[in-house]
Amino acid sequence: MEPTVLMYNLPPASRTQVELLCRELGAAARNVEKPRQGLTLGALVGLLPEVPGGSQVPGQMLVMAYFDRDMLDAFLRGFRVRQIPPIPHKAMLTLTNTAWTGHELYEHISQEMEAVGRH
């Protein structure tokens, strides 16, 4: 499977920077348009059938699929070097979240961030 970054609601300048970074790393960058944000992550990367439903993602988010550790490290390093504005909602595609919609993943990350912030 091709390393892929799903981009949700990034401003144009950030989206362009992420696309350039992905190109350098040999990864695909896919902007998830609002009408497709209700699909599961698995559907967006071609693992699951496309079943309409779900809500739009309320904020910016990145999902990295099929990244090995070295590619993830290079991606995060490139983010800092390019001084791309922070996108706190970031995740890797996993067996667990493959069946989630982007909105479900966004909410899960938000809950984790809130729980960590309380401690």
PDB file of N, CA and C in Angstrom:
ATOM      1  N   MET A   1       0.830  -1.182   0.000  1.00  0.00           N
ATOM      2  CA  MET A   1       0.000   0.000   0.000  1.00  0.00           C
ATOM      3  C   MET A   1       0.876   1.247   0.000  1.00  0.00           C
ATOM      4  N   GLU A   2       0.416   2.257  -0.699  1.00  0.00           N
ATOM      5  CA  GLU A   2       1.177   3.494  -0.834  1.00  0.00           C
ATOM      6  C   GLU A   2       1.035   4.360   0.423  1.00  0.00           C
ATOM      7  N   PRO A   3       2.144   4.823   0.986  1.00  0.00           N
ATOM      8  CA  PRO A   3       2.047   5.766   2.108  1.00  0.00           C
ATOM      9  C   PRO A   3       1.199   6.961   1.684  1.00  0.00           C
ATOM     10  N   THR A   4       0.257   7.318   2.546  1.00  0.00           N
ATOM     11  CA  THR A   4      -0.728   8.347   2.217  1.00  0.00           C
ATOM     12  C   THR A   4      -1.010   9.226   3.423  1.00  0.00           C
ATOM     13  N   VAL A   5      -1.217  10.509   3.179  1.00  0.00           N
ATOM     14  CA  VAL A   5      -1.663  11.434   4.219  1.00  0.00           C
ATOM     15  C   VAL A   5      -3.030  11.949   3.812  1.00  0.00           C
ATOM     16  N   LEU A   6      -4.018  11.727   4.687  1.00  0.00           N
ATOM     17  CA  LEU A   6      -5.348  12.284   4.497  1.00  0.00           C
ATOM     18  C   LEU A   6      -5.375  13.639   5.185  1.00  0.00           C
ATOM     19  N   MET A   7      -5.774  14.664   4.455  1.00  0.00           N
ATOM     20  CA  MET A   7      -5.777  16.028   4.990  1.00  0.00           C
ATOM     21  C   MET A   7      -7.215  16.512   5.108  1.00  0.00           C
ATOM     22  N   TYR A   8      -7.585  16.911   6.305  1.00  0.00           N
ATOM     23  CA  TYR A   8      -8.926  17.425   6.569  1.00  0.00           C
ATOM     24  C   TYR A   8      -8.846  18.910   6.921  1.00  0.00           C
ATOM     25  N   ASN A   9      -9.534  19.733   6.154  1.00  0.00           N
ATOM     26  CA  ASN A   9      -9.764  21.145   6.475  1.00  0.00           C
ATOM     27  C   ASN A   9      -8.502  21.991   6.665  1.00  0.00           C
ATOM     28  N   LEU A  10      -7.433  21.657   5.969  1.00  0.00           N
ATOM     29  CA  LEU A  10      -6.222  22.471   6.074  1.00  0.00           C
ATOM     30  C   LEU A  10      -6.390  23.749   5.264  1.00  0.00           C
ATOM     31  N   PRO A  11      -5.885  24.883   5.790  1.00  0.00           N
ATOM     32  CA  PRO A  11      -5.892  26.090   4.969  1.00  0.00           C
ATOM     33  C   PRO A  11      -5.002  25.869   3.743  1.00  0.00           C
ATOM     34  N   PRO A  12      -5.270  26.575   2.651  1.00  0.00           N
ATOM     35  CA  PRO A  12      -4.530  26.336   1.408  1.00  0.00           C
ATOM     36  C   PRO A  12      -3.007  26.353   1.547  1.00  0.00           C
ATOM     37  N   ALA A  13      -2.454  27.292   2.301  1.00  0.00           N
ATOM     38  CA  ALA A  13      -0.992  27.362   2.420  1.00  0.00           C
ATOM     39  C   ALA A  13      -0.438  26.120   3.120  1.00  0.00           C
ATOM     40  N   SER A  14      -1.086  25.683   4.176  1.00  0.00           N
ATOM     41  CA  SER A  14      -0.639  24.477   4.888  1.00  0.00           C
ATOM     42  C   SER A  14      -0.799  23.248   4.010  1.00  0.00           C
ATOM     43  N   ARG A  15      -1.930  23.168   3.292  1.00  0.00           N
ATOM     44  CA  ARG A  15      -2.159  22.023   2.410  1.00  0.00           C
ATOM     45  C   ARG A  15      -1.064  21.933   1.362  1.00  0.00           C
ATOM     46  N   THR A  16      -0.688  23.062   0.773  1.00  0.00           N
ATOM     47  CA  THR A  16       0.377  23.066  -0.234  1.00  0.00           C
ATOM     48  C   THR A  16       1.692  22.583   0.369  1.00  0.00           C
ATOM     49  N   GLN A  17       2.018  23.058   1.561  1.00  0.00           N
ATOM     50  CA  GLN A  17       3.266  22.639   2.218  1.00  0.00           C
ATOM     51  C   GLN A  17       3.260  21.141   2.519  1.00  0.00           C
ATOM     52  N   VAL A  18       2.138  20.623   2.997  1.00  0.00           N
ATOM     53  CA  VAL A  18       2.047  19.185   3.289  1.00  0.00           C
ATOM     54  C   VAL A  18       2.153  18.387   1.990  1.00  0.00           C
ATOM     55  N   GLU A  19       1.527  18.848   0.934  1.00  0.00           N
ATOM     56  CA  GLU A  19       1.621  18.167  -0.364  1.00  0.00           C
ATOM     57  C   GLU A  19       3.069  18.106  -0.849  1.00  0.00           C
ATOM     58  N   LEU A  20       3.809  19.218  -0.724  1.00  0.00           N
ATOM     59  CA  LEU A  20       5.219  19.243  -1.135  1.00  0.00           C
ATOM     60  C   LEU A  20       6.051  18.294  -0.282  1.00  0.00           C
ATOM     61  N   LEU A  21       5.808  18.295   1.014  1.00  0.00           N
ATOM     62  CA  LEU A  21       6.531  17.406   1.912  1.00  0.00           C
ATOM     63  C   LEU A  21       6.254  15.943   1.560  1.00  0.00           C
ATOM     64  N   CYS A  22       4.997  15.621   1.302  1.00  0.00           N
ATOM     65  CA  CYS A  22       4.647  14.249   0.924  1.00  0.00           C
ATOM     66  C   CYS A  22       5.339  13.841  -0.370  1.00  0.00           C
ATOM     67  N   ARG A  23       5.365  14.742  -1.329  1.00  0.00           N
ATOM     68  CA  ARG A  23       6.022  14.446  -2.602  1.00  0.00           C
ATOM     69  C   ARG A  23       7.495  14.113  -2.372  1.00  0.00           C
ATOM     70  N   GLU A  24       8.165  14.908  -1.517  1.00  0.00           N
ATOM     71  CA  GLU A  24       9.575  14.650  -1.210  1.00  0.00           C
ATOM     72  C   GLU A  24       9.775  13.272  -0.580  1.00  0.00           C
ATOM     73  N   LEU A  25       8.811  12.843   0.230  1.00  0.00           N
ATOM     74  CA  LEU A  25       8.933  11.568   0.942  1.00  0.00           C
ATOM     75  C   LEU A  25       8.395  10.387   0.147  1.00  0.00           C
ATOM     76  N   GLY A  26       7.788  10.645  -0.996  1.00  0.00           N
ATOM     77  CA  GLY A  26       7.221   9.564  -1.798  1.00  0.00           C
ATOM     78  C   GLY A  26       5.872   9.092  -1.292  1.00  0.00           C
ATOM     79  N   ALA A  27       5.148   9.974  -0.624  1.00  0.00           N
ATOM     80  CA  ALA A  27       3.818   9.644  -0.112  1.00  0.00           C
ATOM     81  C   ALA A  27       2.765  10.416  -0.905  1.00  0.00           C
ATOM     82  N   ALA A  28       1.571   9.871  -0.950  1.00  0.00           N
ATOM     83  CA  ALA A  28       0.450  10.570  -1.574  1.00  0.00           C
ATOM     84  C   ALA A  28      -0.181  11.495  -0.545  1.00  0.00           C
ATOM     85  N   ALA A  29      -0.630  12.650  -0.987  1.00  0.00           N
ATOM     86  CA  ALA A  29      -1.359  13.587  -0.124  1.00  0.00           C
ATOM     87  C   ALA A  29      -2.764  13.701  -0.688  1.00  0.00           C
ATOM     88  N   ARG A  30      -3.761  13.392   0.135  1.00  0.00           N
ATOM     89  CA  ARG A  30      -5.147  13.447  -0.336  1.00  0.00           C
ATOM     90  C   ARG A  30      -5.947  14.418   0.515  1.00  0.00           C
ATOM     91  N   ASN A  31      -6.451  15.455  -0.127  1.00  0.00           N
ATOM     92  CA  ASN A  31      -7.329  16.388   0.553  1.00  0.00           C
ATOM     93  C   ASN A  31      -8.720  15.765   0.612  1.00  0.00           C
ATOM     94  N   VAL A  32      -9.272  15.639   1.815  1.00  0.00           N
ATOM     95  CA  VAL A  32     -10.590  15.039   1.977  1.00  0.00           C
ATOM     96  C   VAL A  32     -11.621  16.172   1.962  1.00  0.00           C
ATOM     97  N   GLU A  33     -12.296  16.290   0.839  1.00  0.00           N
ATOM     98  CA  GLU A  33     -13.305  17.340   0.670  1.00  0.00           C
ATOM     99  C   GLU A  33     -14.490  17.062   1.589  1.00  0.00           C
ATOM    100  N   LYS A  34     -15.195  18.117   1.958  1.00  0.00           N
ATOM    101  CA  LYS A  34     -16.310  18.008   2.910  1.00  0.00           C
ATOM    102  C   LYS A  34     -17.318  16.918   2.550  1.00  0.00           C
ATOM    103  N   PRO A  35     -17.732  16.747   1.297  1.00  0.00           N
ATOM    104  CA  PRO A  35     -18.719  15.698   0.984  1.00  0.00           C
ATOM    105  C   PRO A  35     -18.208  14.274   1.272  1.00  0.00           C
ATOM    106  N   ARG A  36     -16.895  14.095   1.337  1.00  0.00           N
ATOM    107  CA  ARG A  36     -16.326  12.750   1.572  1.00  0.00           C
ATOM    108  C   ARG A  36     -15.883  12.546   3.019  1.00  0.00           C
ATOM    109  N   GLN A  37     -16.029  13.558   3.858  1.00  0.00           N
ATOM    110  CA  GLN A  37     -15.541  13.455   5.232  1.00  0.00           C
ATOM    111  C   GLN A  37     -16.359  12.504   6.087  1.00  0.00           C
ATOM    112  N   GLY A  38     -17.537  12.109   5.642  1.00  0.00           N
ATOM    113  CA  GLY A  38     -18.344  11.145   6.386  1.00  0.00           C
ATOM    114  C   GLY A  38     -17.973   9.701   6.116  1.00  0.00           C
ATOM    115  N   LEU A  39     -17.063   9.476   5.184  1.00  0.00           N
ATOM    116  CA  LEU A  39     -16.613   8.112   4.878  1.00  0.00           C
ATOM    117  C   LEU A  39     -15.631   7.631   5.940  1.00  0.00           C
ATOM    118  N   THR A  40     -15.504   6.319   6.046  1.00  0.00           N
ATOM    119  CA  THR A  40     -14.518   5.780   6.977  1.00  0.00           C
ATOM    120  C   THR A  40     -13.108   6.022   6.444  1.00  0.00           C
ATOM    121  N   LEU A  41     -12.152   5.998   7.359  1.00  0.00           N
ATOM    122  CA  LEU A  41     -10.752   6.140   6.944  1.00  0.00           C
ATOM    123  C   LEU A  41     -10.385   5.018   5.982  1.00  0.00           C
ATOM    124  N   GLY A  42     -10.856   3.818   6.268  1.00  0.00           N
ATOM    125  CA  GLY A  42     -10.576   2.672   5.406  1.00  0.00           C
ATOM    126  C   GLY A  42     -11.103   2.862   3.992  1.00  0.00           C
ATOM    127  N   ALA A  43     -12.262   3.474   3.865  1.00  0.00           N
ATOM    128  CA  ALA A  43     -12.812   3.738   2.530  1.00  0.00           C
ATOM    129  C   ALA A  43     -11.953   4.752   1.788  1.00  0.00           C
ATOM    130  N   LEU A  44     -11.464   5.743   2.519  1.00  0.00           N
ATOM    131  CA  LEU A  44     -10.658   6.796   1.879  1.00  0.00           C
ATOM    132  C   LEU A  44      -9.311   6.286   1.374  1.00  0.00           C
ATOM    133  N   VAL A  45      -8.807   5.193   1.955  1.00  0.00           N
ATOM    134  CA  VAL A  45      -7.531   4.636   1.476  1.00  0.00           C
ATOM    135  C   VAL A  45      -7.742   3.360   0.659  1.00  0.00           C
ATOM    136  N   GLY A  46      -9.000   3.040   0.335  1.00  0.00           N
ATOM    137  CA  GLY A  46      -9.284   1.917  -0.546  1.00  0.00           C
ATOM    138  C   GLY A  46      -9.375   0.564   0.121  1.00  0.00           C
ATOM    139  N   LEU A  47      -9.479   0.509   1.442  1.00  0.00           N
ATOM    140  CA  LEU A  47      -9.570  -0.775   2.146  1.00  0.00           C
ATOM    141  C   LEU A  47     -11.003  -1.254   2.364  1.00  0.00           C
ATOM    142  N   LEU A  48     -11.921  -0.311   2.467  1.00  0.00           N
ATOM    143  CA  LEU A  48     -13.317  -0.625   2.760  1.00  0.00           C
ATOM    144  C   LEU A  48     -14.212   0.001   1.706  1.00  0.00           C
ATOM    145  N   PRO A  49     -15.427  -0.535   1.548  1.00  0.00           N
ATOM    146  CA  PRO A  49     -16.351   0.086   0.590  1.00  0.00           C
ATOM    147  C   PRO A  49     -16.794   1.461   1.079  1.00  0.00           C
ATOM    148  N   GLU A  50     -17.157   2.307   0.135  1.00  0.00           N
ATOM    149  CA  GLU A  50     -17.637   3.648   0.472  1.00  0.00           C
ATOM    150  C   GLU A  50     -19.110   3.569   0.828  1.00  0.00           C
ATOM    151  N   VAL A  51     -19.403   3.848   2.095  1.00  0.00           N
ATOM    152  CA  VAL A  51     -20.783   3.880   2.571  1.00  0.00           C
ATOM    153  C   VAL A  51     -21.049   5.291   3.069  1.00  0.00           C
ATOM    154  N   PRO A  52     -21.931   6.017   2.379  1.00  0.00           N
ATOM    155  CA  PRO A  52     -22.199   7.391   2.786  1.00  0.00           C
ATOM    156  C   PRO A  52     -22.756   7.455   4.206  1.00  0.00           C
ATOM    157  N   GLY A  53     -22.486   8.555   4.862  1.00  0.00           N
ATOM    158  CA  GLY A  53     -22.968   8.760   6.225  1.00  0.00           C
ATOM    159  C   GLY A  53     -21.905   9.484   7.014  1.00  0.00           C
ATOM    160  N   GLY A  54     -22.139   9.647   8.271  1.00  0.00           N
ATOM    161  CA  GLY A  54     -21.157  10.301   9.115  1.00  0.00           C
ATOM    162  C   GLY A  54     -21.171  11.808   8.942  1.00  0.00           C
ATOM    163  N   SER A  55     -20.518  12.463   9.858  1.00  0.00           N
ATOM    164  CA  SER A  55     -20.479  13.926   9.897  1.00  0.00           C
ATOM    165  C   SER A  55     -19.166  14.445   9.338  1.00  0.00           C
ATOM    166  N   GLN A  56     -19.169  15.733   9.052  1.00  0.00           N
ATOM    167  CA  GLN A  56     -17.932  16.377   8.624  1.00  0.00           C
ATOM    168  C   GLN A  56     -17.014  16.560   9.828  1.00  0.00           C
ATOM    169  N   VAL A  57     -15.732  16.653   9.547  1.00  0.00           N
ATOM    170  CA  VAL A  57     -14.728  16.865  10.585  1.00  0.00           C
ATOM    171  C   VAL A  57     -14.758  18.348  10.966  1.00  0.00           C
ATOM    172  N   PRO A  58     -14.842  18.644  12.293  1.00  0.00           N
ATOM    173  CA  PRO A  58     -15.009  20.037  12.710  1.00  0.00           C
ATOM    174  C   PRO A  58     -13.748  20.899  12.687  1.00  0.00           C
ATOM    175  N   GLY A  59     -12.593  20.315  12.462  1.00  0.00           N
ATOM    176  CA  GLY A  59     -11.367  21.098  12.466  1.00  0.00           C
ATOM    177  C   GLY A  59     -10.311  20.471  11.577  1.00  0.00           C
ATOM    178  N   GLN A  60      -9.101  20.973  11.686  1.00  0.00           N
ATOM    179  CA  GLN A  60      -7.987  20.452  10.885  1.00  0.00           C
ATOM    180  C   GLN A  60      -7.520  19.117  11.465  1.00  0.00           C
ATOM    181  N   MET A  61      -7.148  18.192  10.572  1.00  0.00           N
ATOM    182  CA  MET A  61      -6.645  16.898  11.016  1.00  0.00           C
ATOM    183  C   MET A  61      -5.828  16.258   9.898  1.00  0.00           C
ATOM    184  N   LEU A  62      -4.820  15.497  10.304  1.00  0.00           N
ATOM    185  CA  LEU A  62      -4.016  14.692   9.381  1.00  0.00           C
ATOM    186  C   LEU A  62      -4.070  13.239   9.820  1.00  0.00           C
ATOM    187  N   VAL A  63      -4.181  12.331   8.856  1.00  0.00           N
ATOM    188  CA  VAL A  63      -4.118  10.895   9.144  1.00  0.00           C
ATOM    189  C   VAL A  63      -3.062  10.306   8.219  1.00  0.00           C
ATOM    190  N   MET A  64      -2.041   9.688   8.827  1.00  0.00           N
ATOM    191  CA  MET A  64      -0.986   9.056   8.050  1.00  0.00           C
ATOM    192  C   MET A  64      -1.282   7.556   7.933  1.00  0.00           C
ATOM    193  N   ALA A  65      -1.285   7.063   6.704  1.00  0.00           N
ATOM    194  CA  ALA A  65      -1.548   5.650   6.451  1.00  0.00           C
ATOM    195  C   ALA A  65      -0.332   5.015   5.793  1.00  0.00           C
ATOM    196  N   TYR A  66       0.020   3.832   6.265  1.00  0.00           N
ATOM    197  CA  TYR A  66       1.115   3.037   5.690  1.00  0.00           C
ATOM    198  C   TYR A  66       2.478   3.698   5.833  1.00  0.00           C
ATOM    199  N   PHE A  67       2.670   4.472   6.885  1.00  0.00           N
ATOM    200  CA  PHE A  67       3.974   5.065   7.178  1.00  0.00           C
ATOM    201  C   PHE A  67       4.736   4.121   8.087  1.00  0.00           C
ATOM    202  N   ASP A  68       6.000   3.845   7.746  1.00  0.00           N
ATOM    203  CA  ASP A  68       6.830   3.139   8.713  1.00  0.00           C
ATOM    204  C   ASP A  68       7.432   4.171   9.661  1.00  0.00           C
ATOM    205  N   ARG A  69       8.159   3.717  10.643  1.00  0.00           N
ATOM    206  CA  ARG A  69       8.694   4.614  11.672  1.00  0.00           C
ATOM    207  C   ARG A  69       9.602   5.694  11.073  1.00  0.00           C
ATOM    208  N   ASP A  70      10.477   5.299  10.139  1.00  0.00           N
ATOM    209  CA  ASP A  70      11.401   6.258   9.533  1.00  0.00           C
ATOM    210  C   ASP A  70      10.653   7.332   8.736  1.00  0.00           C
ATOM    211  N   MET A  71       9.613   6.924   7.997  1.00  0.00           N
ATOM    212  CA  MET A  71       8.860   7.888   7.208  1.00  0.00           C
ATOM    213  C   MET A  71       8.086   8.831   8.137  1.00  0.00           C
ATOM    214  N   LEU A  72       7.536   8.292   9.217  1.00  0.00           N
ATOM    215  CA  LEU A  72       6.824   9.142  10.167  1.00  0.00           C
ATOM    216  C   LEU A  72       7.778  10.167  10.777  1.00  0.00           C
ATOM    217  N   ASP A  73       8.954   9.717  11.194  1.00  0.00           N
ATOM    218  CA  ASP A  73       9.947  10.634  11.757  1.00  0.00           C
ATOM    219  C   ASP A  73      10.328  11.718  10.740  1.00  0.00           C
ATOM    220  N   ALA A  74      10.545  11.330   9.490  1.00  0.00           N
ATOM    221  CA  ALA A  74      10.916  12.288   8.442  1.00  0.00           C
ATOM    222  C   ALA A  74       9.771  13.263   8.185  1.00  0.00           C
ATOM    223  N   PHE A  75       8.541  12.773   8.223  1.00  0.00           N
ATOM    224  CA  PHE A  75       7.380  13.635   8.001  1.00  0.00           C
ATOM    225  C   PHE A  75       7.274  14.681   9.112  1.00  0.00           C
ATOM    226  N   LEU A  76       7.376  14.243  10.355  1.00  0.00           N
ATOM    227  CA  LEU A  76       7.270  15.176  11.489  1.00  0.00           C
ATOM    228  C   LEU A  76       8.434  16.169  11.511  1.00  0.00           C
ATOM    229  N   ARG A  77       9.621  15.683  11.171  1.00  0.00           N
ATOM    230  CA  ARG A  77      10.793  16.566  11.091  1.00  0.00           C
ATOM    231  C   ARG A  77      10.585  17.611   9.979  1.00  0.00           C
ATOM    232  N   GLY A  78      10.092  17.156   8.830  1.00  0.00           N
ATOM    233  CA  GLY A  78       9.824  18.061   7.717  1.00  0.00           C
ATOM    234  C   GLY A  78       8.773  19.099   8.074  1.00  0.00           C
ATOM    235  N   PHE A  79       7.819  18.710   8.891  1.00  0.00           N
ATOM    236  CA  PHE A  79       6.793  19.643   9.358  1.00  0.00           C
ATOM    237  C   PHE A  79       7.437  20.796  10.118  1.00  0.00           C
ATOM    238  N   ARG A  80       8.378  20.446  11.006  1.00  0.00           N
ATOM    239  CA  ARG A  80       9.064  21.481  11.797  1.00  0.00           C
ATOM    240  C   ARG A  80       9.981  22.324  10.920  1.00  0.00           C
ATOM    241  N   VAL A  81      10.762  21.684  10.052  1.00  0.00           N
ATOM    242  CA  VAL A  81      11.713  22.400   9.201  1.00  0.00           C
ATOM    243  C   VAL A  81      10.985  23.389   8.294  1.00  0.00           C
ATOM    244  N   ARG A  82       9.857  22.985   7.743  1.00  0.00           N
ATOM    245  CA  ARG A  82       9.083  23.855   6.856  1.00  0.00           C
ATOM    246  C   ARG A  82       8.260  24.890   7.627  1.00  0.00           C
ATOM    247  N   GLN A  83       8.247  24.751   8.940  1.00  0.00           N
ATOM    248  CA  GLN A  83       7.490  25.651   9.815  1.00  0.00           C
ATOM    249  C   GLN A  83       6.013  25.712   9.417  1.00  0.00           C
ATOM    250  N   ILE A  84       5.466  24.530   9.149  1.00  0.00           N
ATOM    251  CA  ILE A  84       4.038  24.419   8.867  1.00  0.00           C
ATOM    252  C   ILE A  84       3.302  24.664  10.183  1.00  0.00           C
ATOM    253  N   PRO A  85       2.284  25.510  10.193  1.00  0.00           N
ATOM    254  CA  PRO A  85       1.555  25.755  11.440  1.00  0.00           C
ATOM    255  C   PRO A  85       1.078  24.436  12.061  1.00  0.00           C
ATOM    256  N   PRO A  86       1.136  24.341  13.384  1.00  0.00           N
ATOM    257  CA  PRO A  86       0.767  23.088  14.063  1.00  0.00           C
ATOM    258  C   PRO A  86      -0.653  22.633  13.735  1.00  0.00           C
ATOM    259  N   ILE A  87      -0.787  21.328  13.619  1.00  0.00           N
ATOM    260  CA  ILE A  87      -2.084  20.676  13.452  1.00  0.00           C
ATOM    261  C   ILE A  87      -2.157  19.633  14.568  1.00  0.00           C
ATOM    262  N   PRO A  88      -2.776  19.982  15.701  1.00  0.00           N
ATOM    263  CA  PRO A  88      -2.758  19.082  16.855  1.00  0.00           C
ATOM    264  C   PRO A  88      -3.439  17.735  16.629  1.00  0.00           C
ATOM    265  N   HIS A  89      -4.433  17.690  15.771  1.00  0.00           N
ATOM    266  CA  HIS A  89      -5.150  16.440  15.520  1.00  0.00           C
ATOM    267  C   HIS A  89      -4.427  15.670  14.412  1.00  0.00           C
ATOM    268  N   LYS A  90      -3.544  14.770  14.842  1.00  0.00           N
ATOM    269  CA  LYS A  90      -2.797  13.909  13.924  1.00  0.00           C
ATOM    270  C   LYS A  90      -2.906  12.479  14.433  1.00  0.00           C
ATOM    271  N   ALA A  91      -2.972  11.528  13.496  1.00  0.00           N
ATOM    272  CA  ALA A  91      -3.060  10.122  13.892  1.00  0.00           C
ATOM    273  C   ALA A  91      -2.500   9.242  12.785  1.00  0.00           C
ATOM    274  N   MET A  92      -2.178   8.038  13.174  1.00  0.00           N
ATOM    275  CA  MET A  92      -1.794   6.997  12.225  1.00  0.00           C
ATOM    276  C   MET A  92      -3.015   6.113  11.977  1.00  0.00           C
ATOM    277  N   LEU A  93      -3.159   5.618  10.767  1.00  0.00           N
ATOM    278  CA  LEU A  93      -4.195   4.642  10.470  1.00  0.00           C
ATOM    279  C   LEU A  93      -3.835   3.347  11.193  1.00  0.00           C
ATOM    280  N   THR A  94      -4.799   2.795  11.930  1.00  0.00           N
ATOM    281  CA  THR A  94      -4.575   1.553  12.674  1.00  0.00           C
ATOM    282  C   THR A  94      -5.701   0.566  12.359  1.00  0.00           C
ATOM    283  N   LEU A  95      -5.538  -0.660  12.823  1.00  0.00           N
ATOM    284  CA  LEU A  95      -6.618  -1.638  12.664  1.00  0.00           C
ATOM    285  C   LEU A  95      -7.878  -1.156  13.369  1.00  0.00           C
ATOM    286  N   THR A  96      -7.724  -0.500  14.499  1.00  0.00           N
ATOM    287  CA  THR A  96      -8.872  -0.023  15.271  1.00  0.00           C
ATOM    288  C   THR A  96      -9.596   1.110  14.561  1.00  0.00           C
ATOM    289  N   ASN A  97      -8.863   2.112  14.076  1.00  0.00           N
ATOM    290  CA  ASN A  97      -9.549   3.290  13.547  1.00  0.00           C
ATOM    291  C   ASN A  97      -9.883   3.208  12.049  1.00  0.00           C
ATOM    292  N   THR A  98      -9.532   2.132  11.391  1.00  0.00           N
ATOM    293  CA  THR A  98      -9.829   1.985   9.963  1.00  0.00           C
ATOM    294  C   THR A  98     -11.328   2.095   9.681  1.00  0.00           C
ATOM    295  N   ALA A  99     -12.146   1.601  10.600  1.00  0.00           N
ATOM    296  CA  ALA A  99     -13.603   1.621  10.412  1.00  0.00           C
ATOM    297  C   ALA A  99     -14.250   2.896  10.934  1.00  0.00           C
ATOM    298  N   TRP A 100     -13.466   3.814  11.484  1.00  0.00           N
ATOM    299  CA  TRP A 100     -14.002   5.072  12.003  1.00  0.00           C
ATOM    300  C   TRP A 100     -14.095   6.101  10.887  1.00  0.00           C
ATOM    301  N   THR A 101     -15.032   7.017  11.041  1.00  0.00           N
ATOM    302  CA  THR A 101     -15.072   8.177  10.147  1.00  0.00           C
ATOM    303  C   THR A 101     -14.049   9.190  10.651  1.00  0.00           C
ATOM    304  N   GLY A 102     -13.755  10.162   9.824  1.00  0.00           N
ATOM    305  CA  GLY A 102     -12.846  11.217  10.251  1.00  0.00           C
ATOM    306  C   GLY A 102     -13.376  11.936  11.481  1.00  0.00           C
ATOM    307  N   HIS A 103     -14.685  12.158  11.533  1.00  0.00           N
ATOM    308  CA  HIS A 103     -15.287  12.841  12.679  1.00  0.00           C
ATOM    309  C   HIS A 103     -15.103  12.025  13.954  1.00  0.00           C
ATOM    310  N   GLU A 104     -15.294  10.723  13.870  1.00  0.00           N
ATOM    311  CA  GLU A 104     -15.097   9.858  15.050  1.00  0.00           C
ATOM    312  C   GLU A 104     -13.652   9.920  15.526  1.00  0.00           C
ATOM    313  N   LEU A 105     -12.704   9.875  14.588  1.00  0.00           N
ATOM    314  CA  LEU A 105     -11.296   9.957  14.966  1.00  0.00           C
ATOM    315  C   LEU A 105     -10.993  11.318  15.580  1.00  0.00           C
ATOM    316  N   TYR A 106     -11.496  12.380  14.986  1.00  0.00           N
ATOM    317  CA  TYR A 106     -11.261  13.732  15.504  1.00  0.00           C
ATOM    318  C   TYR A 106     -11.761  13.834  16.946  1.00  0.00           C
ATOM    319  N   GLU A 107     -12.954  13.330  17.206  1.00  0.00           N
ATOM    320  CA  GLU A 107     -13.516  13.380  18.557  1.00  0.00           C
ATOM    321  C   GLU A 107     -12.689  12.543  19.532  1.00  0.00           C
ATOM    322  N   HIS A 108     -12.234  11.389  19.090  1.00  0.00           N
ATOM    323  CA  HIS A 108     -11.404  10.535  19.944  1.00  0.00           C
ATOM    324  C   HIS A 108     -10.093  11.242  20.310  1.00  0.00           C
ATOM    325  N   ILE A 109      -9.442  11.852  19.330  1.00  0.00           N
ATOM    326  CA  ILE A 109      -8.205  12.598  19.591  1.00  0.00           C
ATOM    327  C   ILE A 109      -8.486  13.752  20.551  1.00  0.00           C
ATOM    328  N   SER A 110      -9.602  14.457  20.326  1.00  0.00           N
ATOM    329  CA  SER A 110      -9.970  15.575  21.213  1.00  0.00           C
ATOM    330  C   SER A 110     -10.129  15.108  22.652  1.00  0.00           C
ATOM    331  N   GLN A 111     -10.779  13.969  22.844  1.00  0.00           N
ATOM    332  CA  GLN A 111     -10.970  13.425  24.191  1.00  0.00           C
ATOM    333  C   GLN A 111      -9.634  13.053  24.829  1.00  0.00           C
ATOM    334  N   GLU A 112      -8.740  12.450  24.046  1.00  0.00           N
ATOM    335  CA  GLU A 112      -7.422  12.095  24.569  1.00  0.00           C
ATOM    336  C   GLU A 112      -6.632  13.358  24.954  1.00  0.00           C
ATOM    337  N   MET A 113      -6.710  14.378  24.120  1.00  0.00           N
ATOM    338  CA  MET A 113      -5.992  15.629  24.410  1.00  0.00           C
ATOM    339  C   MET A 113      -6.537  16.266  25.689  1.00  0.00           C
ATOM    340  N   GLU A 114      -7.850  16.227  25.861  1.00  0.00           N
ATOM    341  CA  GLU A 114      -8.472  16.779  27.058  1.00  0.00           C
ATOM    342  C   GLU A 114      -8.066  15.987  28.293  1.00  0.00           C
ATOM    343  N   ALA A 115      -8.040  14.671  28.190  1.00  0.00           N
ATOM    344  CA  ALA A 115      -7.663  13.830  29.332  1.00  0.00           C
ATOM    345  C   ALA A 115      -6.210  14.067  29.736  1.00  0.00           C
ATOM    346  N   VAL A 116      -5.333  14.203  28.766  1.00  0.00           N
ATOM    347  CA  VAL A 116      -3.915  14.457  29.055  1.00  0.00           C
ATOM    348  C   VAL A 116      -3.756  15.846  29.674  1.00  0.00           C
ATOM    349  N   GLY A 117      -4.526  16.798  29.190  1.00  0.00           N
ATOM    350  CA  GLY A 117      -4.445  18.158  29.707  1.00  0.00           C
ATOM    351  C   GLY A 117      -4.890  18.268  31.150  1.00  0.00           C
ATOM    352  N   ARG A 118      -5.725  17.347  31.601  1.00  0.00           N
ATOM    353  CA  ARG A 118      -6.229  17.371  32.976  1.00  0.00           C
ATOM    354  C   ARG A 118      -5.221  16.821  33.974  1.00  0.00           C
ATOM    355  N   HIS A 119      -4.247  16.080  33.495  1.00  0.00           N
ATOM    356  CA  HIS A 119      -3.289  15.444  34.426  1.00  0.00           C
ATOM    357  C   HIS A 119      -2.000  16.182  34.516  1.00  0.00           C
TER     358      HIS A 119
END
